[in-house]
Amino acid sequence: MGKWTKKHYEKAPCAHCGGIGCCYCDKTGCVLVATPRRTCPHCGGVGCIYCGFTGWAGLKGKYD
């Protein structure tokens, strides 16, 4: 059996709203992403459907 590894998350500013707050970041201005922070490889940090329009790869899911 494999070991369970705990992911570590850190705050990153939401690229969609620039940290002001929007529906994609629950009006907080930042999102939790897996460390180390990486921009979305699909959009380069601008925001797309693959990163939930936040600009970051490795977003913390609702049930993580």
PDB file of N, CA and C in Angstrom:
ATOM      1  N   MET A   1       0.825  -1.179   0.000  1.00  0.00           N
ATOM      2  CA  MET A   1       0.000   0.000   0.000  1.00  0.00           C
ATOM      3  C   MET A   1       0.871   1.244   0.000  1.00  0.00           C
ATOM      4  N   GLY A   2       0.408   2.256  -0.715  1.00  0.00           N
ATOM      5  CA  GLY A   2       1.135   3.520  -0.774  1.00  0.00           C
ATOM      6  C   GLY A   2       0.804   4.410   0.404  1.00  0.00           C
ATOM      7  N   LYS A   3       1.671   5.302   0.680  1.00  0.00           N
ATOM      8  CA  LYS A   3       1.436   6.262   1.755  1.00  0.00           C
ATOM      9  C   LYS A   3       0.533   7.382   1.256  1.00  0.00           C
ATOM     10  N   TRP A   4      -0.280   7.885   2.156  1.00  0.00           N
ATOM     11  CA  TRP A   4      -1.085   9.063   1.831  1.00  0.00           C
ATOM     12  C   TRP A   4      -0.201  10.284   2.014  1.00  0.00           C
ATOM     13  N   THR A   5      -0.163  11.094   1.015  1.00  0.00           N
ATOM     14  CA  THR A   5       0.623  12.321   1.121  1.00  0.00           C
ATOM     15  C   THR A   5      -0.321  13.506   1.203  1.00  0.00           C
ATOM     16  N   LYS A   6      -0.029  14.370   2.120  1.00  0.00           N
ATOM     17  CA  LYS A   6      -0.856  15.553   2.312  1.00  0.00           C
ATOM     18  C   LYS A   6      -0.333  16.672   1.427  1.00  0.00           C
ATOM     19  N   LYS A   7      -1.216  17.254   0.639  1.00  0.00           N
ATOM     20  CA  LYS A   7      -0.828  18.386  -0.202  1.00  0.00           C
ATOM     21  C   LYS A   7      -0.793  19.651   0.644  1.00  0.00           C
ATOM     22  N   HIS A   8       0.127  20.490   0.307  1.00  0.00           N
ATOM     23  CA  HIS A   8       0.223  21.785   0.974  1.00  0.00           C
ATOM     24  C   HIS A   8      -0.247  22.853  -0.002  1.00  0.00           C
ATOM     25  N   TYR A   9      -1.005  23.795   0.514  1.00  0.00           N
ATOM     26  CA  TYR A   9      -1.573  24.851  -0.311  1.00  0.00           C
ATOM     27  C   TYR A   9      -1.125  26.212   0.206  1.00  0.00           C
ATOM     28  N   GLU A  10      -1.068  27.156  -0.711  1.00  0.00           N
ATOM     29  CA  GLU A  10      -0.764  28.537  -0.343  1.00  0.00           C
ATOM     30  C   GLU A  10      -1.681  29.464  -1.123  1.00  0.00           C
ATOM     31  N   LYS A  11      -1.850  30.672  -0.607  1.00  0.00           N
ATOM     32  CA  LYS A  11      -2.714  31.653  -1.264  1.00  0.00           C
ATOM     33  C   LYS A  11      -2.005  32.264  -2.457  1.00  0.00           C
ATOM     34  N   ALA A  12      -2.800  32.519  -3.503  1.00  0.00           N
ATOM     35  CA  ALA A  12      -2.300  33.180  -4.706  1.00  0.00           C
ATOM     36  C   ALA A  12      -3.373  34.162  -5.167  1.00  0.00           C
ATOM     37  N   PRO A  13      -2.990  35.320  -5.674  1.00  0.00           N
ATOM     38  CA  PRO A  13      -3.981  36.294  -6.127  1.00  0.00           C
ATOM     39  C   PRO A  13      -4.739  35.782  -7.352  1.00  0.00           C
ATOM     40  N   CYS A  14      -6.019  35.995  -7.361  1.00  0.00           N
ATOM     41  CA  CYS A  14      -6.860  35.571  -8.483  1.00  0.00           C
ATOM     42  C   CYS A  14      -6.537  36.425  -9.708  1.00  0.00           C
ATOM     43  N   ALA A  15      -6.232  35.770 -10.826  1.00  0.00           N
ATOM     44  CA  ALA A  15      -5.879  36.498 -12.047  1.00  0.00           C
ATOM     45  C   ALA A  15      -7.108  37.106 -12.717  1.00  0.00           C
ATOM     46  N   HIS A  16      -8.268  36.551 -12.465  1.00  0.00           N
ATOM     47  CA  HIS A  16      -9.478  37.057 -13.117  1.00  0.00           C
ATOM     48  C   HIS A  16      -9.826  38.462 -12.616  1.00  0.00           C
ATOM     49  N   CYS A  17      -9.732  38.663 -11.305  1.00  0.00           N
ATOM     50  CA  CYS A  17     -10.128  39.961 -10.748  1.00  0.00           C
ATOM     51  C   CYS A  17      -8.948  40.803 -10.283  1.00  0.00           C
ATOM     52  N   GLY A  18      -7.735  40.234 -10.331  1.00  0.00           N
ATOM     53  CA  GLY A  18      -6.563  40.976  -9.886  1.00  0.00           C
ATOM     54  C   GLY A  18      -6.516  41.190  -8.380  1.00  0.00           C
ATOM     55  N   GLY A  19      -7.182  40.334  -7.631  1.00  0.00           N
ATOM     56  CA  GLY A  19      -7.165  40.434  -6.176  1.00  0.00           C
ATOM     57  C   GLY A  19      -8.279  41.265  -5.577  1.00  0.00           C
ATOM     58  N   ILE A  20      -9.175  41.777  -6.411  1.00  0.00           N
ATOM     59  CA  ILE A  20     -10.272  42.613  -5.918  1.00  0.00           C
ATOM     60  C   ILE A  20     -11.395  41.764  -5.326  1.00  0.00           C
ATOM     61  N   GLY A  21     -11.666  40.626  -5.963  1.00  0.00           N
ATOM     62  CA  GLY A  21     -12.736  39.734  -5.516  1.00  0.00           C
ATOM     63  C   GLY A  21     -13.762  39.533  -6.610  1.00  0.00           C
ATOM     64  N   CYS A  22     -14.048  38.272  -6.898  1.00  0.00           N
ATOM     65  CA  CYS A  22     -15.032  37.930  -7.928  1.00  0.00           C
ATOM     66  C   CYS A  22     -15.656  36.578  -7.582  1.00  0.00           C
ATOM     67  N   CYS A  23     -16.536  36.110  -8.435  1.00  0.00           N
ATOM     68  CA  CYS A  23     -17.211  34.839  -8.161  1.00  0.00           C
ATOM     69  C   CYS A  23     -16.274  33.640  -8.287  1.00  0.00           C
ATOM     70  N   TYR A  24     -15.181  33.750  -9.020  1.00  0.00           N
ATOM     71  CA  TYR A  24     -14.255  32.626  -9.192  1.00  0.00           C
ATOM     72  C   TYR A  24     -13.387  32.403  -7.956  1.00  0.00           C
ATOM     73  N   CYS A  25     -13.195  33.427  -7.144  1.00  0.00           N
ATOM     74  CA  CYS A  25     -12.390  33.304  -5.920  1.00  0.00           C
ATOM     75  C   CYS A  25     -13.253  33.494  -4.672  1.00  0.00           C
ATOM     76  N   ASP A  26     -14.554  33.337  -4.812  1.00  0.00           N
ATOM     77  CA  ASP A  26     -15.510  33.521  -3.708  1.00  0.00           C
ATOM     78  C   ASP A  26     -15.379  34.898  -3.050  1.00  0.00           C
ATOM     79  N   LYS A  27     -15.117  35.895  -3.871  1.00  0.00           N
ATOM     80  CA  LYS A  27     -15.036  37.305  -3.467  1.00  0.00           C
ATOM     81  C   LYS A  27     -13.950  37.575  -2.423  1.00  0.00           C
ATOM     82  N   THR A  28     -12.910  36.715  -2.380  1.00  0.00           N
ATOM     83  CA  THR A  28     -11.815  36.914  -1.431  1.00  0.00           C
ATOM     84  C   THR A  28     -10.601  37.571  -2.078  1.00  0.00           C
ATOM     85  N   GLY A  29     -10.481  37.483  -3.402  1.00  0.00           N
ATOM     86  CA  GLY A  29      -9.341  38.056  -4.099  1.00  0.00           C
ATOM     87  C   GLY A  29      -8.172  37.105  -4.241  1.00  0.00           C
ATOM     88  N   CYS A  30      -8.236  35.939  -3.582  1.00  0.00           N
ATOM     89  CA  CYS A  30      -7.165  34.963  -3.713  1.00  0.00           C
ATOM     90  C   CYS A  30      -7.742  33.547  -3.689  1.00  0.00           C
ATOM     91  N   VAL A  31      -6.945  32.626  -4.184  1.00  0.00           N
ATOM     92  CA  VAL A  31      -7.333  31.218  -4.243  1.00  0.00           C
ATOM     93  C   VAL A  31      -6.228  30.381  -3.622  1.00  0.00           C
ATOM     94  N   LEU A  32      -6.569  29.166  -3.204  1.00  0.00           N
ATOM     95  CA  LEU A  32      -5.573  28.251  -2.666  1.00  0.00           C
ATOM     96  C   LEU A  32      -5.074  27.341  -3.777  1.00  0.00           C
ATOM     97  N   VAL A  33      -3.760  27.292  -3.937  1.00  0.00           N
ATOM     98  CA  VAL A  33      -3.137  26.457  -4.967  1.00  0.00           C
ATOM     99  C   VAL A  33      -2.052  25.598  -4.323  1.00  0.00           C
ATOM    100  N   ALA A  34      -1.794  24.447  -4.937  1.00  0.00           N
ATOM    101  CA  ALA A  34      -0.768  23.536  -4.428  1.00  0.00           C
ATOM    102  C   ALA A  34       0.604  24.180  -4.542  1.00  0.00           C
ATOM    103  N   THR A  35       1.429  23.945  -3.513  1.00  0.00           N
ATOM    104  CA  THR A  35       2.796  24.469  -3.552  1.00  0.00           C
ATOM    105  C   THR A  35       3.681  23.530  -4.334  1.00  0.00           C
ATOM    106  N   PRO A  36       4.616  24.002  -5.069  1.00  0.00           N
ATOM    107  CA  PRO A  36       4.892  25.407  -5.378  1.00  0.00           C
ATOM    108  C   PRO A  36       3.871  25.945  -6.381  1.00  0.00           C
ATOM    109  N   ARG A  37       3.592  27.238  -6.290  1.00  0.00           N
ATOM    110  CA  ARG A  37       2.606  27.852  -7.194  1.00  0.00           C
ATOM    111  C   ARG A  37       3.096  27.790  -8.628  1.00  0.00           C
ATOM    112  N   ARG A  38       2.170  27.419  -9.523  1.00  0.00           N
ATOM    113  CA  ARG A  38       2.476  27.364 -10.961  1.00  0.00           C
ATOM    114  C   ARG A  38       1.318  28.003 -11.715  1.00  0.00           C
ATOM    115  N   THR A  39       1.651  28.820 -12.703  1.00  0.00           N
ATOM    116  CA  THR A  39       0.589  29.365 -13.547  1.00  0.00           C
ATOM    117  C   THR A  39       0.025  28.256 -14.416  1.00  0.00           C
ATOM    118  N   CYS A  40      -1.178  28.447 -14.870  1.00  0.00           N
ATOM    119  CA  CYS A  40      -1.855  27.453 -15.703  1.00  0.00           C
ATOM    120  C   CYS A  40      -1.099  27.279 -17.021  1.00  0.00           C
ATOM    121  N   PRO A  41      -0.748  26.048 -17.386  1.00  0.00           N
ATOM    122  CA  PRO A  41      -0.014  25.839 -18.631  1.00  0.00           C
ATOM    123  C   PRO A  41      -0.872  26.066 -19.879  1.00  0.00           C
ATOM    124  N   HIS A  42      -2.184  26.054 -19.726  1.00  0.00           N
ATOM    125  CA  HIS A  42      -3.071  26.236 -20.879  1.00  0.00           C
ATOM    126  C   HIS A  42      -3.226  27.693 -21.281  1.00  0.00           C
ATOM    127  N   CYS A  43      -3.238  28.596 -20.285  1.00  0.00           N
ATOM    128  CA  CYS A  43      -3.488  30.004 -20.595  1.00  0.00           C
ATOM    129  C   CYS A  43      -2.328  30.925 -20.209  1.00  0.00           C
ATOM    130  N   GLY A  44      -1.328  30.385 -19.539  1.00  0.00           N
ATOM    131  CA  GLY A  44      -0.196  31.213 -19.135  1.00  0.00           C
ATOM    132  C   GLY A  44      -0.515  32.176 -18.004  1.00  0.00           C
ATOM    133  N   GLY A  45      -1.558  31.901 -17.246  1.00  0.00           N
ATOM    134  CA  GLY A  45      -1.898  32.749 -16.107  1.00  0.00           C
ATOM    135  C   GLY A  45      -2.965  33.786 -16.367  1.00  0.00           C
ATOM    136  N   VAL A  46      -3.544  33.773 -17.560  1.00  0.00           N
ATOM    137  CA  VAL A  46      -4.579  34.756 -17.902  1.00  0.00           C
ATOM    138  C   VAL A  46      -5.946  34.333 -17.367  1.00  0.00           C
ATOM    139  N   GLY A  47      -6.240  33.039 -17.449  1.00  0.00           N
ATOM    140  CA  GLY A  47      -7.526  32.501 -16.998  1.00  0.00           C
ATOM    141  C   GLY A  47      -8.243  31.775 -18.115  1.00  0.00           C
ATOM    142  N   CYS A  48      -8.639  30.548 -17.853  1.00  0.00           N
ATOM    143  CA  CYS A  48      -9.358  29.735 -18.842  1.00  0.00           C
ATOM    144  C   CYS A  48     -10.201  28.695 -18.106  1.00  0.00           C
ATOM    145  N   ILE A  49     -10.887  27.838 -18.857  1.00  0.00           N
ATOM    146  CA  ILE A  49     -11.747  26.845 -18.223  1.00  0.00           C
ATOM    147  C   ILE A  49     -10.946  25.788 -17.462  1.00  0.00           C
ATOM    148  N   TYR A  50      -9.710  25.561 -17.829  1.00  0.00           N
ATOM    149  CA  TYR A  50      -8.904  24.528 -17.176  1.00  0.00           C
ATOM    150  C   TYR A  50      -8.439  24.945 -15.779  1.00  0.00           C
ATOM    151  N   CYS A  51      -8.310  26.225 -15.538  1.00  0.00           N
ATOM    152  CA  CYS A  51      -7.861  26.715 -14.227  1.00  0.00           C
ATOM    153  C   CYS A  51      -8.988  27.403 -13.466  1.00  0.00           C
ATOM    154  N   GLY A  52     -10.200  27.253 -13.936  1.00  0.00           N
ATOM    155  CA  GLY A  52     -11.333  27.890 -13.269  1.00  0.00           C
ATOM    156  C   GLY A  52     -11.294  29.404 -13.360  1.00  0.00           C
ATOM    157  N   PHE A  53     -10.647  29.909 -14.416  1.00  0.00           N
ATOM    158  CA  PHE A  53     -10.510  31.343 -14.683  1.00  0.00           C
ATOM    159  C   PHE A  53      -9.719  32.075 -13.603  1.00  0.00           C
ATOM    160  N   THR A  54      -8.871  31.350 -12.854  1.00  0.00           N
ATOM    161  CA  THR A  54      -8.064  31.973 -11.810  1.00  0.00           C
ATOM    162  C   THR A  54      -6.627  32.199 -12.250  1.00  0.00           C
ATOM    163  N   GLY A  55      -6.170  31.500 -13.291  1.00  0.00           N
ATOM    164  CA  GLY A  55      -4.812  31.660 -13.787  1.00  0.00           C
ATOM    165  C   GLY A  55      -3.790  30.732 -13.147  1.00  0.00           C
ATOM    166  N   TRP A  56      -4.213  29.859 -12.245  1.00  0.00           N
ATOM    167  CA  TRP A  56      -3.287  28.993 -11.511  1.00  0.00           C
ATOM    168  C   TRP A  56      -3.575  27.512 -11.743  1.00  0.00           C
ATOM    169  N   ALA A  57      -2.522  26.715 -11.758  1.00  0.00           N
ATOM    170  CA  ALA A  57      -2.645  25.261 -11.846  1.00  0.00           C
ATOM    171  C   ALA A  57      -2.649  24.703 -10.426  1.00  0.00           C
ATOM    172  N   GLY A  58      -3.322  23.592 -10.199  1.00  0.00           N
ATOM    173  CA  GLY A  58      -3.327  22.933  -8.896  1.00  0.00           C
ATOM    174  C   GLY A  58      -4.238  23.578  -7.883  1.00  0.00           C
ATOM    175  N   LEU A  59      -5.392  24.056  -8.313  1.00  0.00           N
ATOM    176  CA  LEU A  59      -6.339  24.663  -7.389  1.00  0.00           C
ATOM    177  C   LEU A  59      -6.820  23.647  -6.366  1.00  0.00           C
ATOM    178  N   LYS A  60      -7.056  24.114  -5.168  1.00  0.00           N
ATOM    179  CA  LYS A  60      -7.628  23.256  -4.141  1.00  0.00           C
ATOM    180  C   LYS A  60      -9.103  23.068  -4.470  1.00  0.00           C
ATOM    181  N   GLY A  61      -9.502  21.810  -4.553  1.00  0.00           N
ATOM    182  CA  GLY A  61     -10.896  21.504  -4.864  1.00  0.00           C
ATOM    183  C   GLY A  61     -11.822  21.676  -3.664  1.00  0.00           C
ATOM    184  N   LYS A  62     -13.065  21.634  -3.930  1.00  0.00           N
ATOM    185  CA  LYS A  62     -14.064  21.822  -2.893  1.00  0.00           C
ATOM    186  C   LYS A  62     -13.967  20.744  -1.817  1.00  0.00           C
ATOM    187  N   TYR A  63     -13.617  19.530  -2.198  1.00  0.00           N
ATOM    188  CA  TYR A  63     -13.586  18.419  -1.256  1.00  0.00           C
ATOM    189  C   TYR A  63     -12.179  17.976  -0.882  1.00  0.00           C
ATOM    190  N   ASP A  64     -11.166  18.780  -1.171  1.00  0.00           N
ATOM    191  CA  ASP A  64      -9.773  18.456  -0.789  1.00  0.00           C
ATOM    192  C   ASP A  64      -9.528  18.787   0.662  1.00  0.00           C
TER     193      ASP A  64
END
